[in-house]
Amino acid sequence: MSKKIPAWMSLQADCVTVTLSKPSEANGIQVDKITLRAPTVRDVRAAQAGGTTDDEQRELNLFSSLAEVGVKDLEGLTLKDYSRLQAGYFRLVQDDEL
């Protein structure tokens, strides 16, 4: 049985939108939501090809690409909101349950 989707998460087949606990800056504007599009294999390979062995940096690179915001914008999120993004990403890429 799958876990209930939290109220702060809106999940579609091709993206997930996360409502932030407090507004944050992204691309020079204040936002209260961040949307991650579904990743392609190319997105994952590009994040890994950045030459870093740092898993956290690769994840930041991937999320930055999927959200179309800068890495510095993601680094400015509260830990609670970044954890929401992580949860949304993993919910987005998990295999559909039978």
PDB file of N, CA and C in Angstrom:
ATOM      1  N   MET A   1       0.848  -1.187   0.000  1.00  0.00           N
ATOM      2  CA  MET A   1       0.000   0.000   0.000  1.00  0.00           C
ATOM      3  C   MET A   1       0.887   1.242   0.000  1.00  0.00           C
ATOM      4  N   SER A   2       0.590   2.192  -0.886  1.00  0.00           N
ATOM      5  CA  SER A   2       1.440   3.378  -1.004  1.00  0.00           C
ATOM      6  C   SER A   2       1.105   4.396   0.085  1.00  0.00           C
ATOM      7  N   LYS A   3       2.134   5.188   0.423  1.00  0.00           N
ATOM      8  CA  LYS A   3       1.948   6.245   1.409  1.00  0.00           C
ATOM      9  C   LYS A   3       1.095   7.352   0.810  1.00  0.00           C
ATOM     10  N   LYS A   4       0.324   7.985   1.675  1.00  0.00           N
ATOM     11  CA  LYS A   4      -0.493   9.120   1.256  1.00  0.00           C
ATOM     12  C   LYS A   4       0.424  10.272   0.834  1.00  0.00           C
ATOM     13  N   ILE A   5       0.038  10.950  -0.232  1.00  0.00           N
ATOM     14  CA  ILE A   5       0.817  12.100  -0.704  1.00  0.00           C
ATOM     15  C   ILE A   5       0.567  13.277   0.236  1.00  0.00           C
ATOM     16  N   PRO A   6       1.641  13.912   0.723  1.00  0.00           N
ATOM     17  CA  PRO A   6       1.470  15.047   1.640  1.00  0.00           C
ATOM     18  C   PRO A   6       0.748  16.219   0.971  1.00  0.00           C
ATOM     19  N   ALA A   7       0.120  17.043   1.777  1.00  0.00           N
ATOM     20  CA  ALA A   7      -0.629  18.193   1.262  1.00  0.00           C
ATOM     21  C   ALA A   7       0.275  19.177   0.526  1.00  0.00           C
ATOM     22  N   TRP A   8       1.560  19.238   0.877  1.00  0.00           N
ATOM     23  CA  TRP A   8       2.489  20.186   0.251  1.00  0.00           C
ATOM     24  C   TRP A   8       3.048  19.685  -1.078  1.00  0.00           C
ATOM     25  N   MET A   9       2.616  18.496  -1.515  1.00  0.00           N
ATOM     26  CA  MET A   9       3.120  17.900  -2.754  1.00  0.00           C
ATOM     27  C   MET A   9       1.984  17.685  -3.737  1.00  0.00           C
ATOM     28  N   SER A  10       2.217  18.101  -4.985  1.00  0.00           N
ATOM     29  CA  SER A  10       1.266  17.845  -6.067  1.00  0.00           C
ATOM     30  C   SER A  10       2.007  17.017  -7.113  1.00  0.00           C
ATOM     31  N   LEU A  11       1.557  15.781  -7.312  1.00  0.00           N
ATOM     32  CA  LEU A  11       2.260  14.840  -8.172  1.00  0.00           C
ATOM     33  C   LEU A  11       1.465  14.570  -9.435  1.00  0.00           C
ATOM     34  N   GLN A  12       2.133  14.749 -10.579  1.00  0.00           N
ATOM     35  CA  GLN A  12       1.568  14.371 -11.872  1.00  0.00           C
ATOM     36  C   GLN A  12       2.523  13.368 -12.514  1.00  0.00           C
ATOM     37  N   ALA A  13       2.152  12.810 -13.656  1.00  0.00           N
ATOM     38  CA  ALA A  13       2.987  11.806 -14.314  1.00  0.00           C
ATOM     39  C   ALA A  13       4.321  12.393 -14.765  1.00  0.00           C
ATOM     40  N   ASP A  14       4.341  13.680 -15.126  1.00  0.00           N
ATOM     41  CA  ASP A  14       5.553  14.266 -15.705  1.00  0.00           C
ATOM     42  C   ASP A  14       6.222  15.313 -14.828  1.00  0.00           C
ATOM     43  N   CYS A  15       5.698  15.558 -13.629  1.00  0.00           N
ATOM     44  CA  CYS A  15       6.315  16.544 -12.738  1.00  0.00           C
ATOM     45  C   CYS A  15       5.761  16.421 -11.323  1.00  0.00           C
ATOM     46  N   VAL A  16       6.474  17.049 -10.399  1.00  0.00           N
ATOM     47  CA  VAL A  16       6.005  17.163  -9.027  1.00  0.00           C
ATOM     48  C   VAL A  16       6.199  18.618  -8.606  1.00  0.00           C
ATOM     49  N   THR A  17       5.203  19.178  -7.949  1.00  0.00           N
ATOM     50  CA  THR A  17       5.287  20.539  -7.434  1.00  0.00           C
ATOM     51  C   THR A  17       5.287  20.473  -5.919  1.00  0.00           C
ATOM     52  N   VAL A  18       6.272  21.151  -5.327  1.00  0.00           N
ATOM     53  CA  VAL A  18       6.431  21.162  -3.887  1.00  0.00           C
ATOM     54  C   VAL A  18       6.149  22.575  -3.386  1.00  0.00           C
ATOM     55  N   THR A  19       5.251  22.680  -2.424  1.00  0.00           N
ATOM     56  CA  THR A  19       4.982  23.962  -1.774  1.00  0.00           C
ATOM     57  C   THR A  19       5.999  24.131  -0.651  1.00  0.00           C
ATOM     58  N   LEU A  20       6.704  25.239  -0.674  1.00  0.00           N
ATOM     59  CA  LEU A  20       7.732  25.508   0.325  1.00  0.00           C
ATOM     60  C   LEU A  20       7.103  25.948   1.638  1.00  0.00           C
ATOM     61  N   SER A  21       7.790  25.696   2.744  1.00  0.00           N
ATOM     62  CA  SER A  21       7.271  26.118   4.049  1.00  0.00           C
ATOM     63  C   SER A  21       7.400  27.623   4.236  1.00  0.00           C
ATOM     64  N   LYS A  22       8.334  28.240   3.476  1.00  0.00           N
ATOM     65  CA  LYS A  22       8.456  29.694   3.471  1.00  0.00           C
ATOM     66  C   LYS A  22       8.997  30.110   2.110  1.00  0.00           C
ATOM     67  N   PRO A  23       8.607  31.279   1.617  1.00  0.00           N
ATOM     68  CA  PRO A  23       9.087  31.722   0.304  1.00  0.00           C
ATOM     69  C   PRO A  23      10.610  31.782   0.242  1.00  0.00           C
ATOM     70  N   SER A  24      11.125  31.524  -0.943  1.00  0.00           N
ATOM     71  CA  SER A  24      12.566  31.543  -1.166  1.00  0.00           C
ATOM     72  C   SER A  24      12.825  32.153  -2.536  1.00  0.00           C
ATOM     73  N   GLU A  25      14.066  32.568  -2.771  1.00  0.00           N
ATOM     74  CA  GLU A  25      14.398  33.179  -4.058  1.00  0.00           C
ATOM     75  C   GLU A  25      14.826  32.122  -5.059  1.00  0.00           C
ATOM     76  N   ALA A  26      14.277  32.221  -6.266  1.00  0.00           N
ATOM     77  CA  ALA A  26      14.660  31.345  -7.377  1.00  0.00           C
ATOM     78  C   ALA A  26      14.669  32.184  -8.641  1.00  0.00           C
ATOM     79  N   ASN A  27      15.801  32.212  -9.306  1.00  0.00           N
ATOM     80  CA  ASN A  27      15.961  33.006 -10.526  1.00  0.00           C
ATOM     81  C   ASN A  27      15.604  34.478 -10.304  1.00  0.00           C
ATOM     82  N   GLY A  28      15.947  34.980  -9.128  1.00  0.00           N
ATOM     83  CA  GLY A  28      15.772  36.394  -8.837  1.00  0.00           C
ATOM     84  C   GLY A  28      14.387  36.810  -8.384  1.00  0.00           C
ATOM     85  N   ILE A  29      13.467  35.865  -8.219  1.00  0.00           N
ATOM     86  CA  ILE A  29      12.130  36.211  -7.731  1.00  0.00           C
ATOM     87  C   ILE A  29      11.763  35.328  -6.540  1.00  0.00           C
ATOM     88  N   GLN A  30      10.863  35.827  -5.716  1.00  0.00           N
ATOM     89  CA  GLN A  30      10.383  35.065  -4.570  1.00  0.00           C
ATOM     90  C   GLN A  30       9.353  34.042  -5.047  1.00  0.00           C
ATOM     91  N   VAL A  31       9.529  32.797  -4.634  1.00  0.00           N
ATOM     92  CA  VAL A  31       8.594  31.734  -5.012  1.00  0.00           C
ATOM     93  C   VAL A  31       8.140  31.005  -3.758  1.00  0.00           C
ATOM     94  N   ASP A  32       6.942  30.442  -3.831  1.00  0.00           N
ATOM     95  CA  ASP A  32       6.473  29.618  -2.720  1.00  0.00           C
ATOM     96  C   ASP A  32       6.291  28.159  -3.140  1.00  0.00           C
ATOM     97  N   LYS A  33       6.591  27.871  -4.420  1.00  0.00           N
ATOM     98  CA  LYS A  33       6.523  26.508  -4.939  1.00  0.00           C
ATOM     99  C   LYS A  33       7.673  26.289  -5.900  1.00  0.00           C
ATOM    100  N   ILE A  34       8.129  25.050  -5.967  1.00  0.00           N
ATOM    101  CA  ILE A  34       9.140  24.654  -6.953  1.00  0.00           C
ATOM    102  C   ILE A  34       8.647  23.387  -7.632  1.00  0.00           C
ATOM    103  N   THR A  35       8.739  23.368  -8.952  1.00  0.00           N
ATOM    104  CA  THR A  35       8.316  22.203  -9.723  1.00  0.00           C
ATOM    105  C   THR A  35       9.539  21.518 -10.316  1.00  0.00           C
ATOM    106  N   LEU A  36       9.613  20.213 -10.136  1.00  0.00           N
ATOM    107  CA  LEU A  36      10.643  19.387 -10.764  1.00  0.00           C
ATOM    108  C   LEU A  36       9.974  18.596 -11.880  1.00  0.00           C
ATOM    109  N   ARG A  37      10.508  18.688 -13.100  1.00  0.00           N
ATOM    110  CA  ARG A  37       9.984  17.852 -14.177  1.00  0.00           C
ATOM    111  C   ARG A  37      10.581  16.462 -14.038  1.00  0.00           C
ATOM    112  N   ALA A  38       9.945  15.491 -14.653  1.00  0.00           N
ATOM    113  CA  ALA A  38      10.447  14.118 -14.596  1.00  0.00           C
ATOM    114  C   ALA A  38      11.799  14.053 -15.309  1.00  0.00           C
ATOM    115  N   PRO A  39      12.771  13.393 -14.700  1.00  0.00           N
ATOM    116  CA  PRO A  39      14.100  13.331 -15.312  1.00  0.00           C
ATOM    117  C   PRO A  39      14.163  12.321 -16.455  1.00  0.00           C
ATOM    118  N   THR A  40      15.050  12.592 -17.377  1.00  0.00           N
ATOM    119  CA  THR A  40      15.376  11.627 -18.423  1.00  0.00           C
ATOM    120  C   THR A  40      16.712  10.977 -18.049  1.00  0.00           C
ATOM    121  N   VAL A  41      17.047   9.921 -18.733  1.00  0.00           N
ATOM    122  CA  VAL A  41      18.351   9.300 -18.527  1.00  0.00           C
ATOM    123  C   VAL A  41      19.447  10.325 -18.833  1.00  0.00           C
ATOM    124  N   ARG A  42      19.233  11.139 -19.844  1.00  0.00           N
ATOM    125  CA  ARG A  42      20.199  12.191 -20.215  1.00  0.00           C
ATOM    126  C   ARG A  42      20.424  13.159 -19.057  1.00  0.00           C
ATOM    127  N   ASP A  43      19.356  13.537 -18.356  1.00  0.00           N
ATOM    128  CA  ASP A  43      19.490  14.449 -17.209  1.00  0.00           C
ATOM    129  C   ASP A  43      20.378  13.842 -16.126  1.00  0.00           C
ATOM    130  N   VAL A  44      20.141  12.577 -15.819  1.00  0.00           N
ATOM    131  CA  VAL A  44      20.901  11.906 -14.766  1.00  0.00           C
ATOM    132  C   VAL A  44      22.367  11.770 -15.187  1.00  0.00           C
ATOM    133  N   ARG A  45      22.600  11.401 -16.440  1.00  0.00           N
ATOM    134  CA  ARG A  45      23.971  11.253 -16.932  1.00  0.00           C
ATOM    135  C   ARG A  45      24.695  12.602 -16.933  1.00  0.00           C
ATOM    136  N   ALA A  46      24.000  13.673 -17.307  1.00  0.00           N
ATOM    137  CA  ALA A  46      24.615  15.002 -17.319  1.00  0.00           C
ATOM    138  C   ALA A  46      24.999  15.431 -15.904  1.00  0.00           C
ATOM    139  N   ALA A  47      24.151  15.143 -14.928  1.00  0.00           N
ATOM    140  CA  ALA A  47      24.463  15.499 -13.540  1.00  0.00           C
ATOM    141  C   ALA A  47      25.676  14.708 -13.048  1.00  0.00           C
ATOM    142  N   GLN A  48      25.798  13.469 -13.480  1.00  0.00           N
ATOM    143  CA  GLN A  48      26.924  12.626 -13.069  1.00  0.00           C
ATOM    144  C   GLN A  48      28.201  13.003 -13.808  1.00  0.00           C
ATOM    145  N   ALA A  49      28.070  13.556 -15.007  1.00  0.00           N
ATOM    146  CA  ALA A  49      29.234  13.893 -15.833  1.00  0.00           C
ATOM    147  C   ALA A  49      29.901  15.193 -15.401  1.00  0.00           C
ATOM    148  N   GLY A  50      29.381  15.825 -14.380  1.00  0.00           N
ATOM    149  CA  GLY A  50      29.945  17.090 -13.915  1.00  0.00           C
ATOM    150  C   GLY A  50      31.345  16.962 -13.348  1.00  0.00           C
ATOM    151  N   GLY A  51      31.857  15.751 -13.288  1.00  0.00           N
ATOM    152  CA  GLY A  51      33.220  15.549 -12.828  1.00  0.00           C
ATOM    153  C   GLY A  51      33.377  15.486 -11.320  1.00  0.00           C
ATOM    154  N   THR A  52      32.279  15.552 -10.593  1.00  0.00           N
ATOM    155  CA  THR A  52      32.360  15.515  -9.138  1.00  0.00           C
ATOM    156  C   THR A  52      32.069  14.110  -8.616  1.00  0.00           C
ATOM    157  N   THR A  53      32.726  13.746  -7.547  1.00  0.00           N
ATOM    158  CA  THR A  53      32.433  12.472  -6.887  1.00  0.00           C
ATOM    159  C   THR A  53      31.529  12.695  -5.680  1.00  0.00           C
ATOM    160  N   ASP A  54      31.092  13.914  -5.509  1.00  0.00           N
ATOM    161  CA  ASP A  54      30.250  14.316  -4.384  1.00  0.00           C
ATOM    162  C   ASP A  54      28.779  14.048  -4.730  1.00  0.00           C
ATOM    163  N   ASP A  55      28.181  13.075  -4.043  1.00  0.00           N
ATOM    164  CA  ASP A  55      26.783  12.709  -4.316  1.00  0.00           C
ATOM    165  C   ASP A  55      25.836  13.883  -4.103  1.00  0.00           C
ATOM    166  N   GLU A  56      26.081  14.678  -3.066  1.00  0.00           N
ATOM    167  CA  GLU A  56      25.212  15.826  -2.783  1.00  0.00           C
ATOM    168  C   GLU A  56      25.271  16.841  -3.921  1.00  0.00           C
ATOM    169  N   GLN A  57      26.474  17.084  -4.453  1.00  0.00           N
ATOM    170  CA  GLN A  57      26.615  18.034  -5.558  1.00  0.00           C
ATOM    171  C   GLN A  57      25.919  17.514  -6.805  1.00  0.00           C
ATOM    172  N   ARG A  58      26.043  16.227  -7.072  1.00  0.00           N
ATOM    173  CA  ARG A  58      25.358  15.646  -8.241  1.00  0.00           C
ATOM    174  C   ARG A  58      23.848  15.793  -8.104  1.00  0.00           C
ATOM    175  N   GLU A  59      23.335  15.573  -6.890  1.00  0.00           N
ATOM    176  CA  GLU A  59      21.903  15.726  -6.661  1.00  0.00           C
ATOM    177  C   GLU A  59      21.488  17.184  -6.858  1.00  0.00           C
ATOM    178  N   LEU A  60      22.267  18.117  -6.331  1.00  0.00           N
ATOM    179  CA  LEU A  60      21.972  19.534  -6.524  1.00  0.00           C
ATOM    180  C   LEU A  60      21.977  19.893  -8.009  1.00  0.00           C
ATOM    181  N   ASN A  61      22.959  19.385  -8.749  1.00  0.00           N
ATOM    182  CA  ASN A  61      23.028  19.646 -10.190  1.00  0.00           C
ATOM    183  C   ASN A  61      21.788  19.108 -10.898  1.00  0.00           C
ATOM    184  N   LEU A  62      21.375  17.907 -10.537  1.00  0.00           N
ATOM    185  CA  LEU A  62      20.194  17.299 -11.157  1.00  0.00           C
ATOM    186  C   LEU A  62      18.931  18.094 -10.819  1.00  0.00           C
ATOM    187  N   PHE A  63      18.716  18.381  -9.544  1.00  0.00           N
ATOM    188  CA  PHE A  63      17.521  19.124  -9.141  1.00  0.00           C
ATOM    189  C   PHE A  63      17.505  20.518  -9.766  1.00  0.00           C
ATOM    190  N   SER A  64      18.663  21.151  -9.856  1.00  0.00           N
ATOM    191  CA  SER A  64      18.766  22.463 -10.479  1.00  0.00           C
ATOM    192  C   SER A  64      18.292  22.409 -11.928  1.00  0.00           C
ATOM    193  N   SER A  65      18.731  21.397 -12.646  1.00  0.00           N
ATOM    194  CA  SER A  65      18.331  21.222 -14.040  1.00  0.00           C
ATOM    195  C   SER A  65      16.827  20.949 -14.156  1.00  0.00           C
ATOM    196  N   LEU A  66      16.324  20.064 -13.316  1.00  0.00           N
ATOM    197  CA  LEU A  66      14.903  19.686 -13.391  1.00  0.00           C
ATOM    198  C   LEU A  66      13.975  20.836 -13.006  1.00  0.00           C
ATOM    199  N   ALA A  67      14.429  21.681 -12.081  1.00  0.00           N
ATOM    200  CA  ALA A  67      13.609  22.811 -11.626  1.00  0.00           C
ATOM    201  C   ALA A  67      13.866  24.078 -12.423  1.00  0.00           C
ATOM    202  N   GLU A  68      14.930  24.058 -13.237  1.00  0.00           N
ATOM    203  CA  GLU A  68      15.339  25.231 -14.006  1.00  0.00           C
ATOM    204  C   GLU A  68      15.601  26.435 -13.103  1.00  0.00           C
ATOM    205  N   VAL A  69      16.341  26.162 -12.022  1.00  0.00           N
ATOM    206  CA  VAL A  69      16.799  27.212 -11.102  1.00  0.00           C
ATOM    207  C   VAL A  69      18.283  26.967 -10.843  1.00  0.00           C
ATOM    208  N   GLY A  70      18.955  27.959 -10.304  1.00  0.00           N
ATOM    209  CA  GLY A  70      20.370  27.826 -10.021  1.00  0.00           C
ATOM    210  C   GLY A  70      20.648  26.966  -8.799  1.00  0.00           C
ATOM    211  N   VAL A  71      21.816  26.341  -8.791  1.00  0.00           N
ATOM    212  CA  VAL A  71      22.239  25.551  -7.640  1.00  0.00           C
ATOM    213  C   VAL A  71      22.236  26.420  -6.383  1.00  0.00           C
ATOM    214  N   LYS A  72      22.692  27.668  -6.505  1.00  0.00           N
ATOM    215  CA  LYS A  72      22.727  28.587  -5.351  1.00  0.00           C
ATOM    216  C   LYS A  72      21.320  28.829  -4.799  1.00  0.00           C
ATOM    217  N   ASP A  73      20.318  28.846  -5.681  1.00  0.00           N
ATOM    218  CA  ASP A  73      18.932  29.003  -5.219  1.00  0.00           C
ATOM    219  C   ASP A  73      18.524  27.807  -4.363  1.00  0.00           C
ATOM    220  N   LEU A  74      18.888  26.611  -4.799  1.00  0.00           N
ATOM    221  CA  LEU A  74      18.552  25.410  -4.025  1.00  0.00           C
ATOM    222  C   LEU A  74      19.311  25.393  -2.705  1.00  0.00           C
ATOM    223  N   GLU A  75      20.561  25.846  -2.734  1.00  0.00           N
ATOM    224  CA  GLU A  75      21.351  25.891  -1.500  1.00  0.00           C
ATOM    225  C   GLU A  75      20.773  26.891  -0.503  1.00  0.00           C
ATOM    226  N   GLY A  76      19.992  27.859  -0.978  1.00  0.00           N
ATOM    227  CA  GLY A  76      19.366  28.845  -0.103  1.00  0.00           C
ATOM    228  C   GLY A  76      18.072  28.375   0.539  1.00  0.00           C
ATOM    229  N   LEU A  77      17.589  27.202   0.135  1.00  0.00           N
ATOM    230  CA  LEU A  77      16.367  26.669   0.742  1.00  0.00           C
ATOM    231  C   LEU A  77      16.635  26.235   2.173  1.00  0.00           C
ATOM    232  N   THR A  78      15.604  26.276   3.004  1.00  0.00           N
ATOM    233  CA  THR A  78      15.741  25.676   4.332  1.00  0.00           C
ATOM    234  C   THR A  78      15.897  24.171   4.137  1.00  0.00           C
ATOM    235  N   LEU A  79      16.475  23.517   5.108  1.00  0.00           N
ATOM    236  CA  LEU A  79      16.657  22.068   5.022  1.00  0.00           C
ATOM    237  C   LEU A  79      15.307  21.357   4.909  1.00  0.00           C
ATOM    238  N   LYS A  80      14.315  21.885   5.603  1.00  0.00           N
ATOM    239  CA  LYS A  80      12.971  21.301   5.534  1.00  0.00           C
ATOM    240  C   LYS A  80      12.456  21.333   4.091  1.00  0.00           C
ATOM    241  N   ASP A  81      12.629  22.453   3.413  1.00  0.00           N
ATOM    242  CA  ASP A  81      12.136  22.571   2.044  1.00  0.00           C
ATOM    243  C   ASP A  81      12.959  21.743   1.066  1.00  0.00           C
ATOM    244  N   TYR A  82      14.271  21.656   1.288  1.00  0.00           N
ATOM    245  CA  TYR A  82      15.088  20.812   0.426  1.00  0.00           C
ATOM    246  C   TYR A  82      14.691  19.344   0.607  1.00  0.00           C
ATOM    247  N   SER A  83      14.385  18.963   1.835  1.00  0.00           N
ATOM    248  CA  SER A  83      13.920  17.594   2.095  1.00  0.00           C
ATOM    249  C   SER A  83      12.592  17.330   1.381  1.00  0.00           C
ATOM    250  N   ARG A  84      11.755  18.343   1.302  1.00  0.00           N
ATOM    251  CA  ARG A  84      10.504  18.200   0.545  1.00  0.00           C
ATOM    252  C   ARG A  84      10.791  17.960  -0.937  1.00  0.00           C
ATOM    253  N   LEU A  85      11.761  18.695  -1.483  1.00  0.00           N
ATOM    254  CA  LEU A  85      12.141  18.477  -2.885  1.00  0.00           C
ATOM    255  C   LEU A  85      12.639  17.054  -3.101  1.00  0.00           C
ATOM    256  N   GLN A  86      13.469  16.574  -2.181  1.00  0.00           N
ATOM    257  CA  GLN A  86      13.980  15.213  -2.283  1.00  0.00           C
ATOM    258  C   GLN A  86      12.832  14.208  -2.256  1.00  0.00           C
ATOM    259  N   ALA A  87      11.901  14.403  -1.339  1.00  0.00           N
ATOM    260  CA  ALA A  87      10.760  13.492  -1.234  1.00  0.00           C
ATOM    261  C   ALA A  87       9.929  13.526  -2.517  1.00  0.00           C
ATOM    262  N   GLY A  88       9.726  14.724  -3.049  1.00  0.00           N
ATOM    263  CA  GLY A  88       8.970  14.853  -4.295  1.00  0.00           C
ATOM    264  C   GLY A  88       9.664  14.160  -5.453  1.00  0.00           C
ATOM    265  N   TYR A  89      10.987  14.320  -5.540  1.00  0.00           N
ATOM    266  CA  TYR A  89      11.751  13.672  -6.606  1.00  0.00           C
ATOM    267  C   TYR A  89      11.611  12.153  -6.515  1.00  0.00           C
ATOM    268  N   PHE A  90      11.814  11.616  -5.331  1.00  0.00           N
ATOM    269  CA  PHE A  90      11.758  10.162  -5.194  1.00  0.00           C
ATOM    270  C   PHE A  90      10.348   9.626  -5.433  1.00  0.00           C
ATOM    271  N   ARG A  91       9.331  10.395  -5.078  1.00  0.00           N
ATOM    272  CA  ARG A  91       7.957   9.986  -5.377  1.00  0.00           C
ATOM    273  C   ARG A  91       7.723  10.009  -6.886  1.00  0.00           C
ATOM    274  N   LEU A  92       8.295  11.007  -7.567  1.00  0.00           N
ATOM    275  CA  LEU A  92       8.139  11.165  -9.016  1.00  0.00           C
ATOM    276  C   LEU A  92       8.775  10.012  -9.786  1.00  0.00           C
ATOM    277  N   VAL A  93       9.933   9.548  -9.349  1.00  0.00           N
ATOM    278  CA  VAL A  93      10.666   8.526 -10.118  1.00  0.00           C
ATOM    279  C   VAL A  93      10.385   7.095  -9.688  1.00  0.00           C
ATOM    280  N   GLN A  94       9.652   6.914  -8.593  1.00  0.00           N
ATOM    281  CA  GLN A  94       9.378   5.537  -8.175  1.00  0.00           C
ATOM    282  C   GLN A  94       8.484   4.842  -9.179  1.00  0.00           C
ATOM    283  N   ASP A  95       8.648   3.548  -9.274  1.00  0.00           N
ATOM    284  CA  ASP A  95       7.846   2.752 -10.195  1.00  0.00           C
ATOM    285  C   ASP A  95       6.406   2.708  -9.718  1.00  0.00           C
ATOM    286  N   ASP A  96       5.479   2.704 -10.658  1.00  0.00           N
ATOM    287  CA  ASP A  96       4.069   2.600 -10.290  1.00  0.00           C
ATOM    288  C   ASP A  96       3.812   1.283  -9.582  1.00  0.00           C
ATOM    289  N   GLU A  97       2.973   1.332  -8.577  1.00  0.00           N
ATOM    290  CA  GLU A  97       2.649   0.118  -7.826  1.00  0.00           C
ATOM    291  C   GLU A  97       1.642  -0.699  -8.604  1.00  0.00           C
ATOM    292  N   LEU A  98       1.736  -1.979  -8.448  1.00  0.00           N
ATOM    293  CA  LEU A  98       0.814  -2.893  -9.157  1.00  0.00           C
ATOM    294  C   LEU A  98      -0.545  -2.918  -8.526  1.00  0.00           C
TER     295      LEU A  98
END
